[in-house]
N, C-alpha and C. Protein backbone atom coordinates (compact mmCIF):
# COMPACT_ATOMS: atom_id res chain seq x y z
N UNK A 1 7.33 -14.49 -8.92
CA UNK A 1 7.73 -15.18 -7.31
C UNK A 1 7.10 -15.53 -6.23
N UNK A 2 6.92 -16.51 -5.39
CA UNK A 2 6.12 -16.74 -4.98
C UNK A 2 6.90 -16.14 -3.12
N UNK A 3 8.12 -15.51 -3.13
CA UNK A 3 8.56 -15.05 -2.15
C UNK A 3 8.45 -13.77 -2.33
N UNK A 4 8.11 -13.16 -3.30
CA UNK A 4 7.95 -11.65 -3.36
C UNK A 4 6.76 -11.03 -2.51
N UNK A 5 6.98 -10.27 -1.65
CA UNK A 5 5.87 -10.01 -0.99
C UNK A 5 5.03 -8.56 -1.31
N UNK A 6 4.47 -8.51 -2.02
CA UNK A 6 3.98 -7.31 -3.06
C UNK A 6 3.03 -6.46 -1.87
N UNK A 7 2.39 -6.80 -1.18
CA UNK A 7 1.50 -6.39 -0.09
C UNK A 7 2.50 -5.69 0.68
N UNK A 8 3.48 -6.14 1.18
CA UNK A 8 4.67 -4.95 2.25
C UNK A 8 5.28 -3.71 1.60
N UNK A 9 5.50 -3.88 0.19
CA UNK A 9 5.80 -3.07 -0.74
C UNK A 9 4.70 -1.87 -0.65
N UNK A 10 3.70 -2.20 -1.22
CA UNK A 10 2.79 -1.29 -1.61
C UNK A 10 2.37 -0.53 -0.12
N UNK A 11 2.16 -1.18 0.86
CA UNK A 11 2.14 -0.26 1.92
C UNK A 11 2.85 0.47 2.39
N UNK A 12 3.93 0.58 1.82
CA UNK A 12 5.33 1.32 2.63
C UNK A 12 5.25 3.07 1.88
N UNK A 13 4.10 3.04 0.56
CA UNK A 13 4.17 4.52 -0.32
C UNK A 13 2.71 4.96 -0.21
N UNK A 14 2.78 6.09 -0.35
CA UNK A 14 1.63 7.35 -0.22
C UNK A 14 1.00 6.98 -1.78
N UNK A 15 -0.20 6.38 -1.91
CA UNK A 15 -0.61 6.87 -3.27
C UNK A 15 -1.68 7.67 -3.56
N UNK A 16 -1.94 8.35 -4.18
CA UNK A 16 -3.14 9.77 -3.85
C UNK A 16 -3.60 9.85 -5.62
N UNK A 17 -4.61 10.02 -5.28
CA UNK A 17 -6.20 10.20 -6.74
C UNK A 17 -5.07 10.99 -7.63
N UNK A 18 -5.19 10.84 -9.02
CA UNK A 18 -4.31 11.45 -10.12
C UNK A 18 -3.13 10.59 -10.45
N UNK A 19 -2.53 9.47 -9.64
CA UNK A 19 -1.36 9.04 -9.73
C UNK A 19 -2.07 8.23 -10.84
N UNK A 20 -0.60 7.45 -11.49
CA UNK A 20 -1.12 6.62 -12.29
C UNK A 20 -0.12 5.64 -12.33
N UNK A 21 -0.37 4.18 -12.44
CA UNK A 21 0.64 2.94 -11.83
C UNK A 21 0.45 2.41 -13.52
N UNK A 22 1.73 2.42 -13.84
CA UNK A 22 2.28 1.75 -15.47
C UNK A 22 3.13 0.46 -15.14
N UNK A 23 2.54 -0.83 -15.83
CA UNK A 23 2.76 -2.39 -15.74
C UNK A 23 3.82 -2.79 -16.87
N UNK A 24 4.75 -2.90 -16.65
CA UNK A 24 6.01 -3.46 -17.94
C UNK A 24 5.98 -4.74 -17.94
N UNK A 25 5.40 -5.84 -18.81
CA UNK A 25 6.02 -7.39 -18.52
C UNK A 25 5.74 -7.86 -20.03
N UNK A 26 6.11 -8.98 -20.08
CA UNK A 26 6.19 -9.70 -21.16
C UNK A 26 4.73 -10.07 -21.62
N UNK A 27 4.28 -9.54 -22.89
CA UNK A 27 2.76 -9.77 -23.04
C UNK A 27 2.60 -11.20 -22.96
N UNK A 28 1.59 -12.16 -22.89
CA UNK A 28 1.14 -13.41 -22.99
C UNK A 28 2.09 -14.28 -21.81
N UNK A 29 2.90 -13.39 -21.03
CA UNK A 29 3.41 -14.23 -20.05
C UNK A 29 2.64 -13.76 -18.57
N UNK A 30 2.51 -12.42 -18.62
CA UNK A 30 1.42 -12.09 -17.40
C UNK A 30 0.22 -11.15 -17.93
N UNK A 31 0.00 -10.37 -17.10
CA UNK A 31 -1.31 -9.83 -17.15
C UNK A 31 -1.49 -8.94 -15.94
N UNK A 32 -2.37 -7.78 -15.69
CA UNK A 32 -2.89 -7.27 -14.94
C UNK A 32 -4.67 -6.96 -15.12
N UNK A 33 -4.99 -7.53 -14.01
CA UNK A 33 -6.62 -7.30 -13.90
C UNK A 33 -6.43 -6.51 -12.52
N UNK A 34 -7.22 -5.24 -12.60
CA UNK A 34 -7.87 -4.72 -11.77
C UNK A 34 -9.64 -5.62 -10.90
N UNK A 35 -9.22 -5.95 -9.74
CA UNK A 35 -10.66 -6.59 -9.20
C UNK A 35 -10.91 -6.36 -8.01
N UNK A 36 -12.20 -6.93 -7.57
CA UNK A 36 -12.80 -6.57 -6.42
C UNK A 36 -11.82 -6.87 -5.28
N UNK A 37 -12.24 -6.95 -4.06
CA UNK A 37 -11.45 -7.32 -2.95
C UNK A 37 -11.84 -9.22 -2.85
N UNK A 38 -13.07 -9.47 -3.01
CA UNK A 38 -13.18 -11.05 -3.29
C UNK A 38 -12.53 -11.90 -4.14
N UNK A 39 -12.41 -11.38 -5.16
CA UNK A 39 -11.67 -11.80 -6.04
C UNK A 39 -9.77 -12.12 -5.51
N UNK A 40 -9.79 -10.67 -5.40
CA UNK A 40 -8.14 -10.41 -5.29
C UNK A 40 -7.85 -11.48 -4.07
N UNK A 41 -8.77 -11.64 -3.05
CA UNK A 41 -8.68 -12.75 -2.03
C UNK A 41 -8.59 -14.30 -2.51
N UNK A 42 -9.52 -14.68 -3.48
CA UNK A 42 -9.65 -15.88 -3.95
C UNK A 42 -9.02 -16.22 -4.55
N UNK A 43 -8.36 -15.25 -5.91
CA UNK A 43 -7.80 -15.33 -6.75
C UNK A 43 -8.67 -15.83 -7.97
N UNK A 44 -9.84 -15.94 -7.72
CA UNK A 44 -10.56 -16.89 -8.73
C UNK A 44 -11.19 -15.56 -9.39
N UNK A 45 -10.64 -15.80 -10.89
CA UNK A 45 -11.06 -14.45 -11.63
C UNK A 45 -12.38 -14.58 -12.96
N UNK A 46 -13.30 -15.74 -12.41
CA UNK A 46 -14.50 -15.99 -13.17
C UNK A 46 -15.31 -14.56 -12.78
N UNK A 47 -15.28 -14.02 -11.67
CA UNK A 47 -16.50 -12.91 -11.61
C UNK A 47 -15.25 -11.96 -10.82
N UNK A 48 -15.96 -10.50 -10.58
CA UNK A 48 -15.35 -9.52 -10.05
C UNK A 48 -14.21 -9.07 -10.64
N UNK A 49 -13.95 -8.86 -12.07
CA UNK A 49 -12.78 -8.33 -12.66
C UNK A 49 -13.27 -6.61 -13.14
N UNK A 50 -12.52 -6.31 -12.76
CA UNK A 50 -13.32 -4.46 -12.89
C UNK A 50 -12.71 -3.93 -14.37
N UNK A 51 -11.45 -4.42 -14.51
CA UNK A 51 -10.53 -4.01 -15.62
C UNK A 51 -9.54 -5.09 -16.13
N UNK A 52 -9.54 -5.54 -17.36
CA UNK A 52 -7.94 -6.36 -17.92
C UNK A 52 -7.26 -5.22 -18.57
N UNK A 53 -5.96 -5.34 -18.32
CA UNK A 53 -4.38 -4.81 -18.80
C UNK A 53 -3.75 -5.97 -19.44
N UNK A 54 -3.54 -5.91 -20.47
CA UNK A 54 -3.14 -7.44 -21.29
C UNK A 54 -1.66 -6.98 -22.20
N UNK A 55 -1.86 -5.43 -22.61
CA UNK A 55 -0.53 -5.39 -23.44
C UNK A 55 0.75 -5.67 -23.22
N UNK A 56 1.22 -5.70 -21.92
CA UNK A 56 2.45 -5.57 -21.53
C UNK A 56 3.44 -4.32 -21.22
N UNK A 57 2.23 -3.12 -21.36
CA UNK A 57 2.78 -1.94 -21.06
C UNK A 57 1.56 -0.93 -20.60
N UNK A 58 0.74 -1.24 -19.89
CA UNK A 58 -0.61 -0.69 -19.11
C UNK A 58 -0.47 0.29 -18.57
N UNK A 59 -1.16 1.39 -18.44
CA UNK A 59 -1.10 2.47 -17.34
C UNK A 59 -2.45 2.50 -16.75
N UNK A 60 -2.56 2.38 -16.04
CA UNK A 60 -3.74 2.37 -14.47
C UNK A 60 -3.75 3.40 -14.04
N UNK A 61 -4.61 4.72 -14.69
CA UNK A 61 -5.05 5.89 -13.74
C UNK A 61 -5.68 5.65 -12.54
N UNK A 62 -5.11 6.08 -11.37
CA UNK A 62 -5.90 5.90 -10.14
C UNK A 62 -6.42 7.10 -9.49
N UNK A 63 -7.47 7.01 -10.30
CA UNK A 63 -8.64 8.50 -10.29
C UNK A 63 -9.65 8.46 -9.05
N UNK A 64 -9.45 7.44 -8.77
CA UNK A 64 -10.58 7.57 -7.43
C UNK A 64 -9.94 7.15 -6.27
N UNK A 65 -10.48 8.12 -4.98
CA UNK A 65 -10.23 7.97 -4.29
C UNK A 65 -10.82 6.36 -3.50
N UNK A 66 -9.76 5.34 -3.42
CA UNK A 66 -10.86 3.88 -2.60
C UNK A 66 -9.05 3.16 -2.57
N UNK A 67 -9.89 1.46 -2.43
CA UNK A 67 -8.48 0.83 -2.50
C UNK A 67 -8.44 0.19 -3.46
N UNK A 68 -7.58 -0.25 -4.17
CA UNK A 68 -7.46 -0.71 -5.60
C UNK A 68 -6.96 -2.03 -5.28
N UNK A 69 -7.32 -3.10 -6.33
CA UNK A 69 -7.06 -4.60 -6.03
C UNK A 69 -6.25 -5.13 -7.21
N UNK A 70 -5.13 -5.36 -7.62
CA UNK A 70 -4.67 -6.01 -8.79
C UNK A 70 -3.82 -7.16 -8.50
N UNK A 71 -4.39 -8.07 -9.61
CA UNK A 71 -3.60 -9.65 -9.80
C UNK A 71 -2.89 -9.97 -11.19
N UNK A 72 -2.09 -10.73 -11.31
CA UNK A 72 -1.83 -11.32 -12.50
C UNK A 72 -3.07 -12.64 -12.76
N UNK A 73 -3.46 -12.52 -13.75
CA UNK A 73 -4.84 -13.55 -14.09
C UNK A 73 -4.15 -14.89 -14.64
N UNK A 74 -2.67 -14.92 -15.14
CA UNK A 74 -2.18 -15.93 -15.75
C UNK A 74 -1.96 -17.35 -14.57
N UNK A 75 -2.15 -18.49 -14.98
CA UNK A 75 -2.32 -19.66 -14.17
C UNK A 75 -1.59 -19.74 -13.01
N UNK A 76 -1.58 -19.87 -11.52
CA UNK A 76 -0.83 -20.07 -10.95
C UNK A 76 0.15 -18.50 -10.10
N UNK A 77 -0.13 -17.58 -11.16
CA UNK A 77 0.52 -16.59 -10.68
C UNK A 77 -0.32 -15.56 -9.47
N UNK A 78 -1.64 -15.81 -9.50
CA UNK A 78 -1.95 -15.05 -8.21
C UNK A 78 -1.67 -15.70 -7.35
N UNK A 79 -1.91 -16.86 -7.31
CA UNK A 79 -2.12 -17.86 -5.82
C UNK A 79 -0.34 -17.84 -5.90
N UNK A 80 0.86 -17.73 -6.19
CA UNK A 80 1.47 -17.59 -5.82
C UNK A 80 2.44 -16.35 -5.88
N UNK A 81 1.46 -15.14 -5.69
CA UNK A 81 1.52 -13.89 -4.78
C UNK A 81 1.25 -12.96 -5.34
N UNK A 82 1.70 -12.97 -7.07
CA UNK A 82 1.61 -11.99 -7.66
C UNK A 82 0.48 -10.97 -7.93
N UNK A 83 0.03 -10.34 -6.38
CA UNK A 83 -1.23 -9.64 -6.35
C UNK A 83 -0.95 -8.39 -5.08
N UNK A 84 -1.60 -7.19 -5.37
CA UNK A 84 -1.33 -6.19 -4.19
C UNK A 84 -2.81 -5.55 -4.51
N UNK A 85 -2.60 -4.93 -3.37
CA UNK A 85 -3.74 -3.79 -3.06
C UNK A 85 -3.18 -2.40 -2.62
N UNK A 86 -3.64 -1.63 -3.10
CA UNK A 86 -2.73 -0.33 -2.56
C UNK A 86 -4.37 0.70 -2.16
N UNK A 87 -4.25 2.06 -1.27
CA UNK A 87 -5.23 2.69 -0.92
C UNK A 87 -4.89 3.90 -1.74
N UNK A 88 -5.78 4.22 -2.35
CA UNK A 88 -5.52 5.66 -3.05
C UNK A 88 -6.31 6.90 -2.29
N UNK A 89 -5.48 7.38 -1.71
CA UNK A 89 -6.50 9.04 -0.98
C UNK A 89 -6.02 10.00 -1.75
N UNK A 90 -7.12 10.83 -1.14
CA UNK A 90 -6.94 11.88 -1.92
C UNK A 90 -5.91 13.09 -1.77
N UNK A 91 -5.87 13.42 -3.50
CA UNK A 91 -4.50 14.01 -3.77
C UNK A 91 -4.21 15.34 -3.16
N UNK A 92 -5.21 16.17 -2.79
CA UNK A 92 -5.35 17.34 -2.40
C UNK A 92 -4.98 17.82 -1.06
N UNK A 93 -4.97 16.13 -0.29
CA UNK A 93 -4.34 16.45 1.14
C UNK A 93 -3.25 16.03 1.54
N UNK A 94 -2.69 15.45 0.43
CA UNK A 94 -1.39 15.28 0.73
C UNK A 94 0.09 16.23 0.19
N UNK A 95 0.56 16.66 1.06
CA UNK A 95 1.88 17.37 0.58
C UNK A 95 3.49 17.10 1.23
N UNK A 96 3.63 16.32 -0.39
CA UNK A 96 5.07 15.37 -0.20
C UNK A 96 6.12 16.47 -0.85
N UNK A 97 7.08 16.11 0.16
CA UNK A 97 8.46 16.76 -0.76
C UNK A 97 9.13 15.97 -1.06
N UNK A 98 10.04 15.42 -2.05
CA UNK A 98 11.42 14.54 -2.05
C UNK A 98 11.87 14.27 -1.08
N UNK A 99 12.40 15.02 -0.37
CA UNK A 99 13.25 14.72 1.08
C UNK A 99 12.32 14.35 2.40
N UNK A 100 11.29 13.71 1.91
CA UNK A 100 9.96 13.67 2.97
C UNK A 100 10.18 11.73 2.71
N UNK A 101 10.55 11.04 1.81
CA UNK A 101 10.36 9.86 1.79
C UNK A 101 11.84 9.22 1.54
N UNK A 102 12.15 8.35 2.90
CA UNK A 102 13.26 7.32 2.92
C UNK A 102 13.19 6.40 1.71
N UNK A 103 14.58 6.14 0.65
CA UNK A 103 14.66 5.32 0.30
C UNK A 103 15.60 4.34 0.67
N UNK A 104 15.36 3.01 0.99
CA UNK A 104 16.25 2.05 0.83
C UNK A 104 15.85 0.62 0.21
N UNK A 105 16.18 0.70 -0.96
CA UNK A 105 15.85 -0.52 -2.29
C UNK A 105 16.85 -1.30 -1.49
N UNK A 106 15.86 -3.08 -1.47
CA UNK A 106 16.57 -4.23 -0.96
C UNK A 106 17.77 -4.65 -2.22
N UNK A 107 18.43 -5.27 -1.72
CA UNK A 107 19.44 -5.54 -2.51
C UNK A 107 18.74 -6.88 -3.00
N UNK A 108 18.61 -7.03 -4.12
CA UNK A 108 17.77 -8.19 -5.06
C UNK A 108 18.42 -8.51 -6.19
N UNK A 109 18.14 -9.35 -6.71
CA UNK A 109 18.99 -9.51 -8.45
C UNK A 109 17.86 -8.92 -9.17
N UNK A 110 18.24 -8.07 -10.55
CA UNK A 110 17.13 -7.42 -11.39
C UNK A 110 15.97 -8.35 -12.20
N UNK A 111 15.13 -8.32 -12.28
CA UNK A 111 14.17 -8.89 -13.04
C UNK A 111 14.69 -9.39 -14.17
N UNK A 112 14.17 -11.00 -14.15
CA UNK A 112 14.36 -11.60 -15.80
C UNK A 112 13.55 -11.33 -16.78
N UNK A 113 13.74 -11.99 -17.67
CA UNK A 113 12.75 -11.43 -18.85
C UNK A 113 11.57 -11.92 -18.71
N UNK A 114 11.11 -12.65 -18.10
CA UNK A 114 9.87 -12.58 -18.06
C UNK A 114 8.87 -12.44 -16.69
N UNK A 115 9.45 -11.40 -16.12
CA UNK A 115 9.07 -11.23 -14.70
C UNK A 115 8.30 -9.48 -15.09
N UNK A 116 7.11 -9.45 -14.28
CA UNK A 116 6.24 -8.16 -14.34
C UNK A 116 7.46 -7.36 -14.17
N UNK A 117 6.79 -6.17 -14.66
CA UNK A 117 7.50 -4.62 -13.97
C UNK A 117 6.70 -3.62 -13.99
N UNK A 118 6.44 -3.11 -12.95
CA UNK A 118 5.46 -1.68 -12.83
C UNK A 118 5.99 -0.59 -12.47
N UNK A 119 5.65 0.32 -12.83
CA UNK A 119 6.14 1.82 -12.58
C UNK A 119 4.91 2.25 -11.81
N UNK A 120 5.24 3.09 -10.56
CA UNK A 120 4.38 4.05 -9.91
C UNK A 120 4.65 5.82 -10.22
N UNK A 121 3.71 6.06 -11.15
CA UNK A 121 4.66 7.67 -11.00
C UNK A 121 3.14 8.39 -10.66
N UNK A 122 3.88 9.61 -10.23
CA UNK A 122 3.29 10.45 -9.87
C UNK A 122 3.80 11.79 -10.38
N UNK A 123 2.69 12.50 -11.09
CA UNK A 123 2.91 13.83 -12.19
C UNK A 123 3.08 14.85 -11.35
N UNK A 124 2.99 15.25 -10.16
CA UNK A 124 3.84 16.58 -9.17
C UNK A 124 5.13 16.74 -8.94
N UNK A 125 6.09 15.51 -8.49
CA UNK A 125 7.37 15.84 -8.63
C UNK A 125 8.35 15.29 -9.59
N UNK A 126 9.48 15.59 -10.22
CA UNK A 126 10.13 15.08 -11.10
C UNK A 126 11.25 14.10 -10.84
N UNK A 127 11.81 13.90 -9.80
CA UNK A 127 12.62 13.32 -8.83
C UNK A 127 12.21 11.69 -9.06
N UNK A 128 13.55 11.01 -9.30
CA UNK A 128 12.74 9.71 -9.77
C UNK A 128 13.53 8.60 -8.79
N UNK A 129 13.16 7.65 -8.34
CA UNK A 129 13.74 6.27 -7.52
C UNK A 129 13.23 5.09 -7.89
N UNK A 130 14.13 4.36 -8.14
CA UNK A 130 14.45 3.18 -8.49
C UNK A 130 13.83 1.65 -7.37
N UNK A 131 12.77 1.52 -7.70
CA UNK A 131 12.78 0.47 -6.18
C UNK A 131 12.70 -0.88 -6.76
N UNK A 132 12.90 -1.65 -6.20
CA UNK A 132 13.04 -3.49 -6.76
C UNK A 132 12.64 -4.05 -5.33
N UNK A 133 11.20 -4.23 -5.25
CA UNK A 133 10.79 -5.06 -4.12
C UNK A 133 11.00 -6.53 -4.14
N UNK A 134 12.42 -7.07 -3.62
CA UNK A 134 12.30 -8.45 -3.79
C UNK A 134 12.81 -9.16 -5.16
N UNK A 135 12.79 -8.15 -6.11
CA UNK A 135 13.32 -8.51 -7.49
C UNK A 135 11.98 -8.66 -8.58
N UNK A 136 11.15 -9.03 -8.46
CA UNK A 136 10.25 -9.14 -9.37
C UNK A 136 9.58 -7.76 -9.93
N UNK A 137 8.99 -6.90 -9.06
CA UNK A 137 8.58 -5.55 -9.63
C UNK A 137 9.47 -4.33 -9.76
N UNK A 138 9.92 -3.47 -10.74
CA UNK A 138 10.80 -2.66 -10.81
C UNK A 138 9.25 -1.10 -10.76
N UNK A 139 9.59 -0.81 -9.78
CA UNK A 139 8.82 0.54 -9.77
C UNK A 139 9.55 2.00 -9.84
N UNK A 140 9.17 2.61 -10.63
CA UNK A 140 9.68 3.73 -10.64
C UNK A 140 8.85 4.59 -10.10
N UNK A 141 9.40 5.58 -9.05
CA UNK A 141 8.50 6.33 -8.01
C UNK A 141 9.16 7.46 -8.31
N UNK A 142 8.27 8.37 -8.83
CA UNK A 142 8.21 9.78 -8.90
C UNK A 142 7.42 10.37 -8.03
N UNK A 143 7.97 11.42 -7.17
CA UNK A 143 6.77 12.02 -6.38
C UNK A 143 7.37 13.74 -6.41
């Protein structure tokens, strides 16, 4: 959806090395490409693609401390706003307690059958929070 602001959603959370993003979507209707910043900004995946995920249930290990850029490369989706970047920091320097994270989910409709769904998983904690940023991505956030 062009009204979904994935960048705003991603900036609200802390991502650490060792975390895993799991993207769930209808195979063939969406995909996930990890790309360079230039490709992210242009939405032109003719170059700058670092990894392609197209199974509909993709796990992306956030193993490096760096900025990650993700797009949906189905025609028109990236330009329509299906993209976001996240900053991954050193997991050894972050001490997070499940009570430290405010959880205020927006009131939005649940995703339709053709929507992308993602999960953000941290292996350090077992508490689950469901986040639905503007109704298109569903992130289960374990911390």
